[in-house]
């Protein structure tokens, strides 16, 4: 029996030792490299966005290839986590299939099948926040505005570029919360005939990091020196909407705003909060009229000459099934306000994974009476039990704040 046990032990050792050596070799190989931990996708009617999260700052190389048409982004000095998405059908009119793979021992390769012209996609990088580095790929309407815009897509009969028109969102001026509308997904039409893809001036290759001149990343100016006003909705005697388990809107908005302030300050921005605790903003406190309370919030942003104004809210509806994230801007305000609303809303959707209800015009007091580009973002529905739970959690608060930060960074890009 003793000999049998010894034989079994020796056999196990012969099997396990190579595995241990392999694990050790892998650890040595990836030491000092960035791990690509997650690939996140959000698809809207006018744009599809791919966000690649990495554990440390990395550069990227971009190539445009044809037959079939595709954009290739290489991440040197990176390795791909087994948990990250590898192959995904994007189901977008602007991009077909996404493939992510370990191209070689030190390079992660991202391949996106797309026929959009070079003016309708963008690759850039964001650093800081929940992921130390994020490489973002946008295809479609890269201006960030939902206004009518032509997207260059080649037709199926040759190299002629045919415009696809993305209509502006229907404008509404209201104070209430409309019932959400279901969004139809547009399936991508496959094109059989190869079309020559416009290549970059450098022969099809960009090498990118935040310091290289000539690259589109030079447009990322950072937030240092920016003045940002944050308005946590409601407060004090005004609880805002109340969720099915009793969570109050004013509590969520203040927690998210406080987390956002910390993130913005770390990025070098100067932050002005309309309130930092559970209280009214007007000097009259609970005796103030609605207009006096709202004007007091506007006065803080206007007196500080903030660059942008972000009002944070939670939506509510009588039907508890209503869900999603909405961005609002003043109906006759500046295009910059719409751009800001679009990008903040998109950032929140990317982080929280909520349904996007689009960017809508409004007549809300705080975005109408502020002197700078302004948006009111409805993070999610506090009346929806799942979204109430998400936004009341520490993780949900952090993700919501990170999403707003992403949108702000994208706006100043």
Protein backbone atom coordinates (compact mmCIF):
# COMPACT_ATOMS: atom_id res chain seq x y z
CA UNK A 1 0.00 0.00 0.00
CA UNK A 2 2.86 2.39 0.85
CA UNK A 3 4.40 1.78 -2.57
CA UNK A 4 1.05 2.46 -4.25
CA UNK A 5 0.70 5.81 -2.45
CA UNK A 6 4.23 6.75 -3.44
CA UNK A 7 3.49 5.89 -7.06
CA UNK A 8 0.32 8.02 -7.03
CA UNK A 9 2.22 10.95 -5.49
CA UNK A 10 4.92 10.72 -8.16
CA UNK A 11 2.33 10.64 -10.93
CA UNK A 12 0.57 13.73 -9.50
CA UNK A 13 3.89 15.53 -9.25
CA UNK A 14 4.64 14.78 -12.90
CA UNK A 15 1.25 16.27 -13.86
CA UNK A 16 1.25 19.32 -11.57
CA UNK A 17 4.85 20.48 -11.89
CA UNK A 18 4.49 21.53 -15.57
CA UNK A 19 1.28 23.40 -14.66
CA UNK A 20 3.04 25.22 -11.83
CA UNK A 21 5.95 26.04 -14.10
CA UNK A 22 3.51 27.28 -16.76
CA UNK A 23 1.74 29.51 -14.25
CA UNK A 24 5.07 30.84 -13.09
CA UNK A 25 6.16 31.52 -16.67
CA UNK A 26 2.86 33.34 -17.33
CA UNK A 27 3.29 35.49 -14.24
CA UNK A 28 6.81 36.40 -15.32
CA UNK A 29 5.69 37.18 -18.88
CA UNK A 30 2.89 39.56 -17.92
CA UNK A 31 4.78 41.25 -15.09
CA UNK A 32 4.76 44.99 -15.71
CA UNK A 33 2.18 44.72 -18.51
CA UNK A 34 -1.32 46.21 -18.50
CA UNK A 35 -4.20 43.79 -18.13
CA UNK A 36 -7.21 44.40 -20.37
CA UNK A 37 -9.92 43.57 -17.85
CA UNK A 38 -13.17 44.41 -19.61
CA UNK A 39 -14.66 45.40 -22.96
CA UNK A 40 -17.91 47.37 -22.64
CA UNK A 41 -20.28 48.21 -25.48
CA UNK A 42 -23.14 50.68 -25.72
CA UNK A 43 -25.19 51.16 -28.89
CA UNK A 44 -27.41 54.13 -29.67
CA UNK A 45 -29.35 55.15 -32.78
CA UNK A 46 -26.54 57.47 -33.90
CA UNK A 47 -23.40 55.89 -32.45
CA UNK A 48 -21.84 52.73 -31.07
CA UNK A 49 -19.17 53.06 -28.38
CA UNK A 50 -16.60 50.46 -27.32
CA UNK A 51 -14.74 51.06 -24.04
CA UNK A 52 -11.67 48.93 -23.25
CA UNK A 53 -10.62 49.00 -19.59
CA UNK A 54 -6.96 48.40 -18.63
CA UNK A 55 -5.17 48.25 -15.30
CA UNK A 56 -2.51 50.81 -16.23
CA UNK A 57 -1.79 53.52 -18.75
CA UNK A 58 -1.04 52.17 -22.24
CA UNK A 59 -0.39 53.54 -25.71
CA UNK A 60 -2.25 52.34 -28.80
CA UNK A 61 -1.66 51.90 -32.53
CA UNK A 62 -4.46 52.36 -35.05
CA UNK A 63 -4.69 50.87 -38.55
CA UNK A 64 -7.34 51.02 -41.26
CA UNK A 65 -7.57 47.90 -43.44
CA UNK A 66 -9.72 46.89 -46.40
CA UNK A 67 -11.18 43.71 -47.94
CA UNK A 68 -13.01 43.49 -45.60
CA UNK A 69 -13.12 47.00 -44.24
CA UNK A 70 -12.08 47.19 -40.60
CA UNK A 71 -10.40 49.37 -38.02
CA UNK A 72 -7.63 47.67 -36.05
CA UNK A 73 -6.34 48.99 -32.73
CA UNK A 74 -3.28 47.36 -31.15
CA UNK A 75 -2.46 47.76 -27.45
CA UNK A 76 1.24 46.99 -27.01
CA UNK A 77 2.43 45.96 -23.57
CA UNK A 78 -0.93 44.44 -22.67
CA UNK A 79 -2.46 41.05 -21.99
CA UNK A 80 -6.10 40.02 -22.29
CA UNK A 81 -8.03 38.81 -19.25
CA UNK A 82 -9.95 35.56 -19.85
CA UNK A 83 -13.03 37.34 -18.48
CA UNK A 84 -13.03 40.07 -21.15
CA UNK A 85 -15.39 39.79 -24.12
CA UNK A 86 -13.68 38.29 -27.18
CA UNK A 87 -16.21 38.21 -30.03
CA UNK A 88 -19.34 40.34 -30.14
CA UNK A 89 -21.93 41.21 -32.78
CA UNK A 90 -22.43 44.96 -32.38
CA UNK A 91 -25.76 45.02 -34.25
CA UNK A 92 -25.16 48.61 -35.31
CA UNK A 93 -25.49 50.26 -38.75
CA UNK A 94 -22.03 51.72 -38.13
CA UNK A 95 -20.08 48.63 -37.08
CA UNK A 96 -20.58 44.90 -37.49
CA UNK A 97 -18.47 42.48 -35.48
CA UNK A 98 -15.97 43.18 -32.71
CA UNK A 99 -13.06 40.82 -32.11
CA UNK A 100 -10.58 41.14 -29.25
CA UNK A 101 -7.63 38.76 -29.00
CA UNK A 102 -4.07 38.31 -27.76
CA UNK A 103 -2.29 39.07 -31.03
CA UNK A 104 1.12 38.14 -29.68
CA UNK A 105 2.66 37.71 -26.24
CA UNK A 106 2.77 41.46 -25.64
CA UNK A 107 -0.06 42.87 -27.77
CA UNK A 108 -3.85 42.87 -27.48
CA UNK A 109 -5.56 43.46 -30.82
CA UNK A 110 -9.04 44.98 -31.28
CA UNK A 111 -10.70 44.55 -34.68
CA UNK A 112 -13.95 46.31 -35.60
CA UNK A 113 -15.67 45.59 -38.90
CA UNK A 114 -16.95 48.93 -40.20
CA UNK A 115 -17.56 50.81 -43.44
CA UNK A 116 -17.83 54.33 -42.04
CA UNK A 117 -15.51 56.97 -43.46
CA UNK A 118 -12.62 58.35 -41.44
CA UNK A 119 -14.70 61.35 -40.34
CA UNK A 120 -17.17 59.10 -38.58
CA UNK A 121 -15.02 57.20 -36.13
CA UNK A 122 -12.61 58.18 -33.41
CA UNK A 123 -10.19 56.38 -31.09
CA UNK A 124 -8.98 58.12 -27.96
CA UNK A 125 -7.83 57.42 -24.43
CA UNK A 126 -8.99 58.47 -20.98
CA UNK A 127 -6.99 57.97 -17.80
CA UNK A 128 -8.02 58.07 -14.16
CA UNK A 129 -11.26 57.04 -12.51
CA UNK A 130 -12.47 53.50 -11.83
CA UNK A 131 -10.21 52.07 -14.54
CA UNK A 132 -6.68 53.53 -14.62
CA UNK A 133 -6.85 53.63 -18.41
CA UNK A 134 -9.70 53.40 -20.92
CA UNK A 135 -9.31 53.22 -24.68
CA UNK A 136 -12.53 54.42 -26.33
CA UNK A 137 -13.64 53.62 -29.89
CA UNK A 138 -16.61 55.59 -31.28
CA UNK A 139 -18.31 54.80 -34.61
CA UNK A 140 -21.11 56.90 -36.11
CA UNK A 141 -21.96 60.39 -34.96
CA UNK A 142 -18.71 61.23 -33.15
CA UNK A 143 -19.69 64.88 -32.66
CA UNK A 144 -21.62 63.76 -29.59
CA UNK A 145 -24.71 65.69 -30.66
CA UNK A 146 -27.97 63.96 -31.53
CA UNK A 147 -28.86 66.74 -33.95
CA UNK A 148 -29.37 65.86 -37.61
CA UNK A 149 -26.08 64.68 -39.04
CA UNK A 150 -24.90 62.81 -42.12
CA UNK A 151 -22.93 59.64 -41.56
CA UNK A 152 -20.71 58.47 -44.43
CA UNK A 153 -21.42 54.85 -45.31
CA UNK A 154 -20.34 53.25 -48.62
CA UNK A 155 -23.13 51.72 -50.67
CA UNK A 156 -23.22 48.08 -51.71
CA UNK A 157 -22.41 48.71 -55.37
CA UNK A 158 -19.00 50.32 -55.19
CA UNK A 159 -16.94 53.01 -53.60
CA UNK A 160 -19.47 55.82 -53.68
CA UNK A 161 -20.17 57.12 -50.22
CA UNK A 162 -23.87 57.45 -49.46
CA UNK A 163 -25.08 59.65 -46.60
CA UNK A 164 -27.24 58.09 -43.92
CA UNK A 165 -29.25 60.76 -42.15
CA UNK A 166 -29.71 60.55 -38.41
CA UNK A 167 -32.74 62.70 -37.53
CA UNK A 168 -32.68 64.96 -34.48
CA UNK A 169 -34.39 63.73 -31.34
CA UNK A 170 -37.98 64.85 -30.93
CA UNK A 171 -38.02 67.93 -28.78
CA UNK A 172 -40.32 68.27 -25.81
CA UNK A 173 -40.74 71.06 -23.30
CA UNK A 174 -42.10 69.67 -20.08
CA UNK A 175 -41.56 69.39 -16.36
CA UNK A 176 -42.91 65.88 -15.92
CA UNK A 177 -41.39 62.51 -16.74
CA UNK A 178 -42.78 61.02 -19.99
CA UNK A 179 -43.33 57.32 -20.22
CA UNK A 180 -40.24 55.66 -21.77
CA UNK A 181 -40.47 54.56 -25.35
CA UNK A 182 -39.02 51.27 -26.52
CA UNK A 183 -36.00 51.68 -28.79
CA UNK A 184 -35.75 49.67 -31.96
CA UNK A 185 -32.38 48.23 -32.82
CA UNK A 186 -31.30 48.65 -36.41
CA UNK A 187 -29.63 45.56 -37.75
CA UNK A 188 -26.50 46.01 -39.81
CA UNK A 189 -26.82 45.36 -43.53
CA UNK A 190 -23.91 43.27 -44.77
CA UNK A 191 -22.10 44.63 -47.82
CA UNK A 192 -20.63 42.06 -50.19
CA UNK A 193 -18.54 44.23 -52.49
CA UNK A 194 -15.24 45.44 -51.02
CA UNK A 195 -14.79 49.19 -50.89
CA UNK A 196 -11.50 51.01 -50.53
CA UNK A 197 -11.20 52.52 -47.10
CA UNK A 198 -9.67 55.97 -46.71
CA UNK A 199 -6.33 55.58 -44.95
CA UNK A 200 -4.64 57.94 -42.55
CA UNK A 201 -1.99 60.38 -43.83
CA UNK A 202 0.73 58.30 -42.18
CA UNK A 203 0.02 55.32 -44.40
CA UNK A 204 -2.68 53.81 -42.25
CA UNK A 205 -1.05 53.85 -38.83
CA UNK A 206 -1.38 56.15 -35.86
CA UNK A 207 0.64 55.64 -32.72
CA UNK A 208 -1.10 57.27 -29.80
CA UNK A 209 -0.57 58.44 -26.29
CA UNK A 210 -1.56 61.65 -24.56
CA UNK A 211 1.79 63.36 -25.20
CA UNK A 212 2.24 62.80 -28.94
CA UNK A 213 1.60 65.81 -31.17
CA UNK A 214 -0.30 65.32 -34.41
CA UNK A 215 -2.54 62.63 -32.93
CA UNK A 216 -6.19 63.19 -32.18
CA UNK A 217 -5.39 62.64 -28.51
CA UNK A 218 -3.89 66.11 -28.41
CA UNK A 219 -7.48 67.30 -28.22
CA UNK A 220 -7.81 65.83 -24.75
CA UNK A 221 -7.03 68.89 -22.68
CA UNK A 222 -7.80 67.45 -19.25
CA UNK A 223 -9.78 69.18 -16.55
CA UNK A 224 -7.06 71.21 -14.89
CA UNK A 225 -8.27 74.79 -14.48
CA UNK A 226 -11.88 73.98 -15.44
CA UNK A 227 -14.60 75.40 -13.18
CA UNK A 228 -17.50 73.01 -12.75
CA UNK A 229 -20.75 73.61 -10.86
CA UNK A 230 -22.48 70.53 -9.48
CA UNK A 231 -26.09 70.71 -8.32
CA UNK A 232 -27.34 67.76 -6.24
CA UNK A 233 -31.09 67.92 -6.87
CA UNK A 234 -33.56 68.61 -4.03
CA UNK A 235 -32.46 68.62 -0.36
CA UNK A 236 -33.72 69.66 3.07
CA UNK A 237 -37.49 69.79 3.21
CA UNK A 238 -37.65 68.73 -0.45
CA UNK A 239 -36.98 64.97 -0.60
CA UNK A 240 -37.57 64.66 -4.32
CA UNK A 241 -39.03 61.38 -5.53
CA UNK A 242 -39.16 58.45 -3.13
CA UNK A 243 -38.46 54.86 -4.19
CA UNK A 244 -40.51 51.74 -3.39
CA UNK A 245 -38.31 50.92 -0.36
CA UNK A 246 -38.21 54.51 0.90
CA UNK A 247 -34.93 55.69 -0.64
CA UNK A 248 -35.14 59.45 -1.26
CA UNK A 249 -33.92 61.14 -4.42
CA UNK A 250 -32.15 63.89 -2.43
CA UNK A 251 -29.97 61.27 -0.70
CA UNK A 252 -28.77 59.64 -3.93
CA UNK A 253 -28.08 62.93 -5.69
CA UNK A 254 -25.93 64.24 -2.83
CA UNK A 255 -23.93 61.00 -2.57
CA UNK A 256 -23.25 60.94 -6.32
CA UNK A 257 -22.40 64.66 -6.39
CA UNK A 258 -19.95 64.28 -3.49
CA UNK A 259 -18.22 61.35 -5.19
CA UNK A 260 -18.12 63.30 -8.46
CA UNK A 261 -16.57 66.28 -6.69
CA UNK A 262 -13.76 64.08 -5.38
CA UNK A 263 -13.09 62.66 -8.86
CA UNK A 264 -13.10 66.09 -10.50
CA UNK A 265 -10.83 67.59 -7.86
CA UNK A 266 -8.36 64.75 -8.38
CA UNK A 267 -8.35 65.63 -12.09
CA UNK A 268 -7.43 69.26 -11.29
CA UNK A 269 -10.85 70.88 -11.71
CA UNK A 270 -12.29 73.53 -9.42
CA UNK A 271 -15.69 72.37 -8.18
CA UNK A 272 -18.57 74.47 -6.83
CA UNK A 273 -21.35 72.51 -5.10
CA UNK A 274 -24.77 74.10 -4.72
CA UNK A 275 -25.14 72.08 -1.52
CA UNK A 276 -22.83 69.79 0.43
CA UNK A 277 -25.35 68.47 2.97
CA UNK A 278 -29.05 67.71 3.32
CA UNK A 279 -30.37 71.26 3.23
CA UNK A 280 -32.02 73.81 0.97
CA UNK A 281 -29.77 76.14 -1.02
CA UNK A 282 -31.75 79.38 -0.67
CA UNK A 283 -30.93 81.49 2.42
CA UNK A 284 -34.67 81.31 3.19
CA UNK A 285 -34.35 77.52 3.58
CA UNK A 286 -37.75 75.84 3.87
CA UNK A 287 -39.57 79.21 3.55
CA UNK A 288 -38.26 79.77 0.02
CA UNK A 289 -40.56 79.44 -2.97
CA UNK A 290 -39.67 76.90 -5.66
CA UNK A 291 -38.35 79.67 -7.91
CA UNK A 292 -36.24 81.21 -5.11
CA UNK A 293 -34.72 77.82 -4.30
CA UNK A 294 -33.90 77.04 -7.92
CA UNK A 295 -32.57 80.55 -8.60
CA UNK A 296 -30.22 80.21 -5.61
CA UNK A 297 -28.65 77.19 -7.32
CA UNK A 298 -28.24 79.10 -10.56
CA UNK A 299 -26.75 82.08 -8.71
CA UNK A 300 -23.91 79.95 -7.35
CA UNK A 301 -22.89 78.75 -10.80
CA UNK A 302 -23.32 82.18 -12.41
CA UNK A 303 -21.43 84.07 -9.70
CA UNK A 304 -18.48 81.68 -9.95
CA UNK A 305 -18.54 81.89 -13.76
CA UNK A 306 -18.42 78.11 -14.02
CA UNK A 307 -17.51 76.55 -17.35
CA UNK A 308 -20.34 74.01 -17.13
CA UNK A 309 -23.30 73.22 -14.85
CA UNK A 310 -24.41 69.66 -13.99
CA UNK A 311 -27.70 69.11 -12.13
CA UNK A 312 -28.06 65.54 -10.82
CA UNK A 313 -31.48 63.92 -10.38
CA UNK A 314 -33.33 60.61 -10.20
CA UNK A 315 -36.36 60.04 -12.42
CA UNK A 316 -39.71 58.68 -11.26
CA UNK A 317 -42.87 57.34 -12.89
CA UNK A 318 -46.14 55.81 -11.72
CA UNK A 319 -45.29 52.56 -13.47
CA UNK A 320 -42.49 50.86 -11.57
CA UNK A 321 -41.26 49.20 -14.76
CA UNK A 322 -40.07 52.52 -16.19
CA UNK A 323 -36.26 52.62 -16.30
CA UNK A 324 -33.25 54.24 -17.89
CA UNK A 325 -31.07 57.34 -18.10
CA UNK A 326 -32.02 60.65 -19.71
CA UNK A 327 -30.01 63.78 -20.49
CA UNK A 328 -31.77 67.16 -20.62
CA UNK A 329 -30.79 70.56 -22.02
CA UNK A 330 -32.65 73.87 -22.38
CA UNK A 331 -34.86 73.74 -25.47
CA UNK A 332 -33.57 77.04 -26.93
CA UNK A 333 -30.13 76.92 -25.33
CA UNK A 334 -26.74 76.57 -26.94
CA UNK A 335 -25.53 73.61 -28.97
CA UNK A 336 -22.85 73.18 -26.32
CA UNK A 337 -25.53 72.40 -23.77
CA UNK A 338 -26.92 69.65 -25.96
CA UNK A 339 -23.42 68.31 -26.52
CA UNK A 340 -22.78 68.30 -22.78
CA UNK A 341 -26.11 66.58 -22.09
CA UNK A 342 -25.39 63.93 -24.72
CA UNK A 343 -21.98 63.08 -23.38
CA UNK A 344 -22.88 63.04 -19.71
CA UNK A 345 -25.89 60.83 -20.43
CA UNK A 346 -23.73 58.48 -22.50
CA UNK A 347 -21.07 58.30 -19.81
CA UNK A 348 -23.66 57.32 -17.19
CA UNK A 349 -25.14 54.67 -19.48
CA UNK A 350 -21.69 53.21 -20.15
CA UNK A 351 -20.89 52.93 -16.46
CA UNK A 352 -24.26 51.87 -15.02
CA UNK A 353 -25.40 49.73 -17.93
CA UNK A 354 -28.82 51.40 -17.83
CA UNK A 355 -31.11 51.79 -20.80
CA UNK A 356 -30.54 55.05 -22.65
CA UNK A 357 -33.65 57.18 -23.05
CA UNK A 358 -31.76 59.67 -25.15
CA UNK A 359 -31.16 63.40 -24.87
CA UNK A 360 -34.23 65.59 -24.69
CA UNK A 361 -34.95 69.30 -24.71
CA UNK A 362 -36.67 70.75 -21.66
CA UNK A 363 -37.69 73.96 -19.91
CA UNK A 364 -36.26 73.09 -16.48
CA UNK A 365 -35.43 76.20 -14.47
CA UNK A 366 -31.82 75.37 -13.56
CA UNK A 367 -30.70 74.73 -17.14
CA UNK A 368 -32.65 77.73 -18.45
CA UNK A 369 -31.28 80.31 -16.00
CA UNK A 370 -27.60 79.37 -15.90
CA UNK A 371 -25.18 81.35 -18.06
CA UNK A 372 -22.98 78.43 -19.13
CA UNK A 373 -23.56 75.12 -20.96
CA UNK A 374 -25.83 73.17 -18.63
CA UNK A 375 -27.46 69.77 -18.36
CA UNK A 376 -29.84 68.02 -16.00
CA UNK A 377 -29.18 64.28 -15.93
CA UNK A 378 -31.76 61.78 -14.68
CA UNK A 379 -29.42 58.95 -13.62
CA UNK A 380 -32.12 56.26 -13.42
CA UNK A 381 -35.61 55.70 -12.02
CA UNK A 382 -35.85 55.70 -8.24
CA UNK A 383 -39.39 54.36 -8.75
CA UNK A 384 -37.88 51.22 -10.32
CA UNK A 385 -36.93 48.83 -7.51
CA UNK A 386 -33.83 47.49 -9.27
CA UNK A 387 -32.53 50.94 -10.21
CA UNK A 388 -33.34 52.30 -6.75
CA UNK A 389 -31.21 49.51 -5.26
CA UNK A 390 -28.40 50.07 -7.78
CA UNK A 391 -28.12 53.82 -7.16
CA UNK A 392 -28.36 53.46 -3.40
CA UNK A 393 -25.43 51.02 -3.35
CA UNK A 394 -21.84 52.22 -2.94
CA UNK A 395 -20.93 50.62 -6.25
CA UNK A 396 -23.81 52.33 -8.04
CA UNK A 397 -22.87 55.73 -6.60
CA UNK A 398 -19.26 55.32 -7.73
CA UNK A 399 -20.27 54.19 -11.21
CA UNK A 400 -22.74 57.04 -11.63
CA UNK A 401 -20.12 59.60 -10.60
CA UNK A 402 -17.54 57.99 -12.86
CA UNK A 403 -20.01 58.07 -15.75
CA UNK A 404 -20.63 61.80 -15.30
CA UNK A 405 -16.87 62.35 -15.11
CA UNK A 406 -16.39 60.37 -18.33
CA UNK A 407 -18.98 62.55 -20.04
CA UNK A 408 -17.37 65.75 -18.79
CA UNK A 409 -13.95 64.61 -19.97
CA UNK A 410 -15.45 63.68 -23.33
CA UNK A 411 -17.12 67.10 -23.57
CA UNK A 412 -13.85 68.96 -23.02
CA UNK A 413 -12.07 66.62 -25.47
